[in-house]
Amino acid sequence: MADLRAAVDLASYWGEPDAEDQGFADAAAGEALRPIAEAVTAAATDMGAVHWWVEPADRSPHRYTQFLDKDPMPSHN
């Protein structure tokens, strides 16, 4: 639980990915983590309270952000 808390505390979804984030974007990392994701998903189907983990997500409120240059925020003088 402490590892999960640390991961959430360090998350910065509004910023560009750091080196660690970019390492997990590699296909090999995804394949290495797949058994863990499958185990979590299997456990979720056995737990009624977290049934939503395995249901399709409503993506309509989600937004995509892309940084196009080094300073995505305009400077105000």
Protein backbone atom coordinates (compact mmCIF):
# COMPACT_ATOMS: atom_id res chain seq x y z
CA MET A 1 0.00 0.00 0.00
CA ALA A 2 2.87 2.39 0.73
CA ASP A 3 4.21 1.91 -2.82
CA LEU A 4 0.83 2.77 -4.32
CA ARG A 5 0.56 5.84 -2.09
CA ALA A 6 4.05 6.96 -3.16
CA ALA A 7 3.19 6.51 -6.84
CA VAL A 8 0.03 8.58 -6.48
CA ASP A 9 1.81 11.26 -4.45
CA LEU A 10 4.52 11.62 -7.12
CA ALA A 11 2.12 11.62 -10.09
CA SER A 12 2.04 14.78 -12.16
CA TYR A 13 -0.46 14.15 -14.90
CA TRP A 14 -0.33 17.78 -16.01
CA GLY A 15 3.40 17.69 -16.77
CA GLU A 16 5.50 16.06 -19.43
CA PRO A 17 6.62 12.47 -18.73
CA ASP A 18 9.90 12.17 -16.87
CA ALA A 19 12.56 9.55 -17.66
CA GLU A 20 10.90 6.92 -15.46
CA ASP A 21 7.52 7.46 -17.14
CA GLN A 22 9.11 7.21 -20.57
CA GLY A 23 10.76 3.92 -19.58
CA PHE A 24 7.36 2.41 -18.81
CA ALA A 25 6.07 3.50 -22.24
CA ASP A 26 8.32 0.90 -23.90
CA ALA A 27 6.51 -2.17 -25.27
CA ALA A 28 8.79 -4.50 -23.30
CA ALA A 29 7.75 -2.82 -20.04
CA GLY A 30 4.10 -3.28 -20.96
CA GLU A 31 4.62 -6.97 -21.66
CA ALA A 32 6.53 -7.41 -18.39
CA LEU A 33 3.71 -5.74 -16.43
CA ARG A 34 0.89 -7.57 -18.26
CA PRO A 35 0.79 -10.56 -15.82
CA ILE A 36 0.37 -8.16 -12.90
CA ALA A 37 -2.44 -6.30 -14.65
CA GLU A 38 -4.15 -9.60 -15.48
CA ALA A 39 -3.87 -10.75 -11.85
CA VAL A 40 -5.36 -7.47 -10.58
CA THR A 41 -8.17 -7.70 -13.12
CA ALA A 42 -8.89 -11.31 -12.17
CA ALA A 43 -9.00 -10.34 -8.49
CA ALA A 44 -11.35 -7.45 -9.28
CA THR A 45 -13.89 -9.76 -10.89
CA ASP A 46 -14.03 -11.72 -7.62
CA MET A 47 -14.64 -8.57 -5.55
CA GLY A 48 -18.10 -7.08 -5.99
CA ALA A 49 -17.12 -3.66 -4.64
CA VAL A 50 -14.63 -3.02 -7.43
CA HIS A 51 -16.59 -4.47 -10.34
CA TRP A 52 -16.14 -1.16 -12.17
CA TRP A 53 -12.42 -1.96 -12.62
CA VAL A 54 -13.26 -4.38 -15.39
CA GLU A 55 -16.16 -2.47 -16.95
CA PRO A 56 -15.66 -0.25 -19.99
CA ALA A 57 -14.65 3.30 -19.07
CA ASP A 58 -16.72 6.31 -20.06
CA ARG A 59 -14.12 8.26 -22.03
CA SER A 60 -16.41 11.15 -22.96
CA PRO A 61 -15.20 13.44 -20.13
CA HIS A 62 -11.50 12.64 -20.75
CA ARG A 63 -9.21 15.16 -22.38
CA TYR A 64 -5.94 14.76 -24.26
CA THR A 65 -3.05 17.12 -23.63
CA GLN A 66 -0.01 17.46 -25.86
CA PHE A 67 2.93 19.76 -25.20
CA LEU A 68 4.09 21.25 -28.48
CA ASP A 69 7.10 23.23 -27.27
CA LYS A 70 9.24 23.81 -24.21
CA ASP A 71 6.96 26.42 -22.61
CA PRO A 72 3.32 25.36 -23.07
CA MET A 73 2.04 28.26 -20.94
CA PRO A 74 2.17 31.78 -22.41
CA SER A 75 4.29 34.21 -20.45
CA HIS A 76 2.63 37.37 -19.12
CA ASN A 77 4.79 40.47 -18.93
